[in-house]
N, C-alpha and C. Protein backbone atom coordinates (compact mmCIF):
# COMPACT_ATOMS: atom_id res chain seq x y z
N MET A 1 33.42 19.26 -9.74
CA MET A 1 32.37 18.07 -9.33
C MET A 1 30.97 18.76 -9.00
N GLN A 2 29.87 18.15 -9.63
CA GLN A 2 28.49 18.73 -9.41
C GLN A 2 27.77 18.19 -8.21
N ASP A 3 27.17 19.03 -7.50
CA ASP A 3 26.61 18.69 -6.24
C ASP A 3 25.23 17.98 -6.49
N THR A 4 24.89 16.99 -5.66
CA THR A 4 23.45 16.43 -5.79
C THR A 4 22.41 17.29 -5.42
N LEU A 5 21.35 17.45 -6.42
CA LEU A 5 20.23 18.31 -5.88
C LEU A 5 18.99 17.45 -5.56
N VAL A 6 18.55 17.59 -4.32
CA VAL A 6 17.31 16.65 -3.97
C VAL A 6 16.19 17.69 -3.58
N VAL A 7 15.08 17.52 -4.20
CA VAL A 7 14.10 18.40 -3.85
C VAL A 7 13.12 17.76 -2.83
N ASP A 8 12.86 18.54 -1.71
CA ASP A 8 12.23 17.76 -0.52
C ASP A 8 10.77 17.50 -0.91
N GLU A 9 10.23 18.49 -1.70
CA GLU A 9 8.87 18.34 -2.11
C GLU A 9 8.28 17.19 -2.88
N GLU A 10 9.41 16.66 -3.50
CA GLU A 10 9.17 15.30 -4.37
C GLU A 10 8.97 14.13 -3.50
N PHE A 11 9.74 14.16 -2.34
CA PHE A 11 9.39 13.08 -1.46
C PHE A 11 8.16 13.32 -0.63
N THR A 12 7.93 14.45 -0.12
CA THR A 12 6.76 14.64 0.63
C THR A 12 5.35 14.46 -0.28
N GLU A 13 5.55 14.84 -1.69
CA GLU A 13 4.52 14.43 -2.46
C GLU A 13 4.38 13.23 -2.69
N SER A 14 5.31 12.35 -3.03
CA SER A 14 5.42 11.02 -3.18
C SER A 14 4.60 10.31 -2.02
N ALA A 15 5.02 10.72 -0.77
CA ALA A 15 4.39 10.17 0.31
C ALA A 15 2.61 10.45 0.40
N SER A 16 2.34 11.63 0.25
CA SER A 16 0.86 11.87 -0.07
C SER A 16 0.43 10.97 -1.22
N ALA A 17 0.98 10.69 -2.11
CA ALA A 17 0.51 10.03 -3.35
C ALA A 17 0.30 8.58 -2.82
N THR A 18 1.11 8.10 -2.06
CA THR A 18 1.03 6.69 -1.74
C THR A 18 -0.12 6.44 -0.69
N ILE A 19 -0.52 7.58 0.07
CA ILE A 19 -1.76 7.50 0.81
C ILE A 19 -2.87 7.33 -0.09
N GLN A 20 -3.07 8.27 -1.23
CA GLN A 20 -4.18 7.99 -2.04
C GLN A 20 -4.21 6.67 -2.71
N ILE A 21 -2.90 6.26 -3.19
CA ILE A 21 -2.94 5.03 -3.96
C ILE A 21 -3.35 3.73 -3.07
N SER A 22 -3.05 3.79 -1.82
CA SER A 22 -3.19 2.74 -0.81
C SER A 22 -4.69 2.88 -0.68
N ALA A 23 -5.31 3.90 -0.39
CA ALA A 23 -6.63 3.88 -0.14
C ALA A 23 -7.40 3.29 -1.17
N LYS A 24 -7.00 3.56 -2.45
CA LYS A 24 -7.84 3.09 -3.57
C LYS A 24 -7.73 1.60 -3.76
N LEU A 25 -6.61 1.13 -3.51
CA LEU A 25 -6.22 -0.32 -3.61
C LEU A 25 -7.02 -0.94 -2.62
N GLU A 26 -7.08 -0.36 -1.26
CA GLU A 26 -7.72 -0.95 -0.31
C GLU A 26 -9.22 -1.10 -0.62
N GLU A 27 -9.92 -0.15 -1.31
CA GLU A 27 -11.26 -0.08 -1.83
C GLU A 27 -11.54 -1.08 -2.85
N LEU A 28 -10.54 -1.28 -3.80
CA LEU A 28 -10.57 -2.18 -4.80
C LEU A 28 -10.35 -3.61 -4.23
N LEU A 29 -9.60 -3.85 -3.31
CA LEU A 29 -9.63 -5.20 -2.60
C LEU A 29 -10.83 -5.48 -1.97
N THR A 30 -11.41 -4.60 -1.29
CA THR A 30 -12.74 -4.95 -0.52
C THR A 30 -13.69 -5.26 -1.42
N SER A 31 -13.78 -4.66 -2.74
CA SER A 31 -14.81 -4.86 -3.69
C SER A 31 -14.57 -6.32 -4.37
N TYR A 32 -13.28 -6.58 -4.61
CA TYR A 32 -12.76 -7.91 -5.01
C TYR A 32 -13.34 -9.06 -4.19
N LEU A 33 -13.02 -8.75 -2.75
CA LEU A 33 -13.35 -9.82 -1.79
C LEU A 33 -14.82 -9.97 -1.85
N GLU A 34 -15.66 -8.92 -1.93
CA GLU A 34 -17.01 -9.09 -1.86
C GLU A 34 -17.52 -9.82 -3.19
N ILE A 35 -16.83 -9.68 -4.11
CA ILE A 35 -17.26 -10.30 -5.46
C ILE A 35 -17.15 -12.10 -5.13
N MET A 36 -15.46 -12.00 -4.75
CA MET A 36 -15.14 -13.58 -4.38
C MET A 36 -16.11 -14.28 -3.51
N ASN A 37 -16.41 -13.60 -2.53
CA ASN A 37 -17.36 -14.23 -1.40
C ASN A 37 -18.64 -14.66 -1.99
N THR A 38 -19.29 -13.59 -2.82
CA THR A 38 -20.59 -14.09 -3.57
C THR A 38 -20.37 -15.29 -4.53
N ALA A 39 -19.23 -15.22 -5.23
CA ALA A 39 -18.96 -16.38 -6.04
C ALA A 39 -18.79 -17.51 -5.30
N SER A 40 -18.25 -17.47 -4.18
CA SER A 40 -17.94 -18.85 -3.30
C SER A 40 -19.26 -19.23 -2.64
N ALA A 41 -19.97 -18.29 -2.27
CA ALA A 41 -21.31 -18.67 -1.53
C ALA A 41 -22.25 -18.97 -2.72
N ALA A 42 -22.42 -18.60 -3.89
CA ALA A 42 -23.58 -18.85 -4.72
C ALA A 42 -23.12 -19.74 -5.80
N GLY A 43 -21.82 -19.60 -6.25
CA GLY A 43 -21.37 -20.47 -7.39
C GLY A 43 -21.03 -21.76 -7.14
N THR A 44 -20.31 -22.03 -6.12
CA THR A 44 -19.94 -23.27 -5.60
C THR A 44 -20.20 -23.81 -4.22
N ILE A 45 -20.79 -24.82 -4.19
CA ILE A 45 -21.39 -25.39 -2.80
C ILE A 45 -20.18 -26.29 -2.08
N ASP A 46 -20.00 -27.34 -2.79
CA ASP A 46 -19.07 -28.38 -2.35
C ASP A 46 -18.19 -28.67 -3.31
N GLY A 47 -17.01 -29.51 -2.83
CA GLY A 47 -16.05 -30.34 -3.65
C GLY A 47 -14.66 -29.40 -3.63
N GLU A 48 -13.78 -29.98 -4.35
CA GLU A 48 -12.64 -29.24 -4.40
C GLU A 48 -12.26 -27.92 -4.87
N SER A 49 -13.28 -27.52 -6.01
CA SER A 49 -13.20 -26.00 -6.35
C SER A 49 -13.69 -25.19 -5.41
N ALA A 50 -14.73 -25.63 -4.73
CA ALA A 50 -15.40 -24.78 -3.64
C ALA A 50 -14.36 -24.51 -2.36
N ASP A 51 -13.57 -25.67 -2.07
CA ASP A 51 -12.63 -25.52 -1.09
C ASP A 51 -11.49 -24.65 -1.51
N ALA A 52 -11.05 -24.88 -2.69
CA ALA A 52 -9.91 -24.03 -3.18
C ALA A 52 -10.31 -22.60 -3.18
N LEU A 53 -11.61 -22.13 -3.68
CA LEU A 53 -12.00 -20.90 -3.80
C LEU A 53 -12.10 -20.31 -2.43
N ARG A 54 -12.59 -21.05 -1.42
CA ARG A 54 -12.68 -20.58 -0.06
C ARG A 54 -11.17 -20.23 0.67
N THR A 55 -10.41 -21.22 0.29
CA THR A 55 -8.95 -20.91 0.56
C THR A 55 -8.28 -19.76 -0.12
N TYR A 56 -8.37 -19.48 -1.35
CA TYR A 56 -8.05 -18.46 -2.02
C TYR A 56 -8.58 -17.08 -1.44
N VAL A 57 -9.91 -16.92 -1.00
CA VAL A 57 -10.46 -15.84 -0.56
C VAL A 57 -9.91 -15.46 0.74
N ASP A 58 -9.79 -16.60 1.68
CA ASP A 58 -9.16 -16.47 2.87
C ASP A 58 -7.72 -15.82 2.78
N TYR A 59 -6.89 -16.36 1.98
CA TYR A 59 -5.70 -15.86 1.79
C TYR A 59 -5.70 -14.37 1.22
N ALA A 60 -6.66 -13.91 0.33
CA ALA A 60 -6.74 -12.60 -0.25
C ALA A 60 -7.07 -11.83 0.86
N LYS A 61 -7.77 -12.26 2.07
CA LYS A 61 -8.48 -11.35 2.97
C LYS A 61 -7.25 -10.87 3.81
N ARG A 62 -6.12 -11.74 3.81
CA ARG A 62 -4.92 -11.32 4.63
C ARG A 62 -4.13 -10.17 4.12
N LEU A 63 -4.59 -9.81 2.97
CA LEU A 63 -4.01 -8.57 2.19
C LEU A 63 -4.42 -7.29 2.72
N GLN A 64 -5.83 -7.47 3.41
CA GLN A 64 -6.53 -6.07 3.83
C GLN A 64 -5.64 -5.50 4.98
N GLY A 65 -5.41 -4.24 4.87
CA GLY A 65 -4.65 -3.62 5.86
C GLY A 65 -3.19 -3.54 5.61
N VAL A 66 -2.73 -4.38 4.99
CA VAL A 66 -1.21 -4.42 4.44
C VAL A 66 -0.78 -3.42 3.76
N LEU A 67 -1.54 -2.94 2.75
CA LEU A 67 -1.30 -1.76 1.92
C LEU A 67 -1.10 -0.59 2.84
N GLY A 68 -2.05 -0.26 3.80
CA GLY A 68 -1.84 0.96 4.82
C GLY A 68 -0.63 0.74 5.51
N GLN A 69 -0.30 -0.46 5.87
CA GLN A 69 0.94 -0.43 6.81
C GLN A 69 2.21 -0.34 5.87
N ILE A 70 2.25 -0.67 4.44
CA ILE A 70 3.22 -0.46 3.75
C ILE A 70 3.39 1.13 3.41
N GLN A 71 2.27 1.73 3.07
CA GLN A 71 2.03 3.35 2.90
C GLN A 71 2.60 3.98 4.08
N MET A 72 2.27 3.54 5.24
CA MET A 72 2.59 4.15 6.62
C MET A 72 4.16 4.15 6.58
N CYS A 73 4.96 2.82 6.39
CA CYS A 73 6.26 2.61 6.30
C CYS A 73 7.13 3.56 5.41
N TYR A 74 6.44 3.66 4.30
CA TYR A 74 7.06 4.51 3.13
C TYR A 74 7.05 5.91 3.62
N SER A 75 5.73 6.45 4.13
CA SER A 75 5.78 7.84 4.54
C SER A 75 6.70 8.21 5.75
N VAL A 76 6.93 7.26 6.67
CA VAL A 76 8.02 7.44 7.60
C VAL A 76 9.14 7.65 7.05
N ILE A 77 9.54 6.69 6.10
CA ILE A 77 11.00 6.62 5.43
C ILE A 77 11.22 7.89 4.72
N ALA A 78 10.20 8.45 4.08
CA ALA A 78 10.38 9.65 3.22
C ALA A 78 10.58 10.72 4.13
N GLN A 79 9.80 10.80 5.12
CA GLN A 79 10.08 12.03 6.03
C GLN A 79 11.32 11.99 6.82
N MET A 80 11.77 10.72 6.96
CA MET A 80 12.98 10.72 7.73
C MET A 80 14.09 11.09 6.87
N PHE A 81 14.13 10.78 5.71
CA PHE A 81 15.20 11.15 4.66
C PHE A 81 15.12 12.70 4.46
N VAL A 82 13.78 13.27 4.32
CA VAL A 82 13.94 14.82 4.41
C VAL A 82 14.44 15.33 5.25
N ASP A 83 13.92 14.93 6.64
CA ASP A 83 14.67 15.55 7.90
C ASP A 83 16.12 15.25 7.98
N ARG A 84 16.69 14.10 7.42
CA ARG A 84 18.23 14.06 7.66
C ARG A 84 18.83 14.79 6.59
N LEU A 85 18.31 15.07 5.51
CA LEU A 85 18.73 15.89 4.58
C LEU A 85 18.95 17.23 5.03
N ASP A 86 18.01 17.77 5.56
CA ASP A 86 17.72 19.22 6.08
C ASP A 86 18.93 19.21 7.25
N VAL A 87 19.11 18.21 8.15
CA VAL A 87 20.14 18.34 9.00
C VAL A 87 21.47 18.41 8.47
N ALA A 88 21.61 17.42 7.49
CA ALA A 88 23.07 17.46 6.72
C ALA A 88 23.35 18.63 6.03
N ASP A 89 22.39 19.35 5.32
CA ASP A 89 22.78 20.53 4.47
C ASP A 89 22.30 21.99 5.24
N THR A 90 22.42 21.82 6.53
CA THR A 90 22.24 23.03 7.28
C THR A 90 23.27 24.22 6.71
N TYR A 91 24.25 23.89 6.55
CA TYR A 91 25.32 24.82 6.06
C TYR A 91 25.03 25.58 4.99
N LEU A 92 24.04 24.93 4.08
CA LEU A 92 23.77 25.74 2.78
C LEU A 92 22.72 26.87 3.12
N TYR A 93 22.13 26.73 4.25
CA TYR A 93 21.14 28.02 4.59
C TYR A 93 21.69 28.84 5.66
């Protein structure tokens, strides 16, 4: 029977990558919201379309910060996994 091989560095590297991806997505979301706010303020004044666009922008704003929370959860889970593996495989070292 073949042993399972887990490379700790892959998990720590993926956690680091999620930090970078999360930061970039937050940056893109901020730019997107700025564009949508400008469109809402300048493009539509009144009516159902204007109301719908404002509502959409309000919901999109709720996404700000969520990506960072997801990234933090992932980083914690990845580190816990590596830590538990280290404890479980101490007999190998």
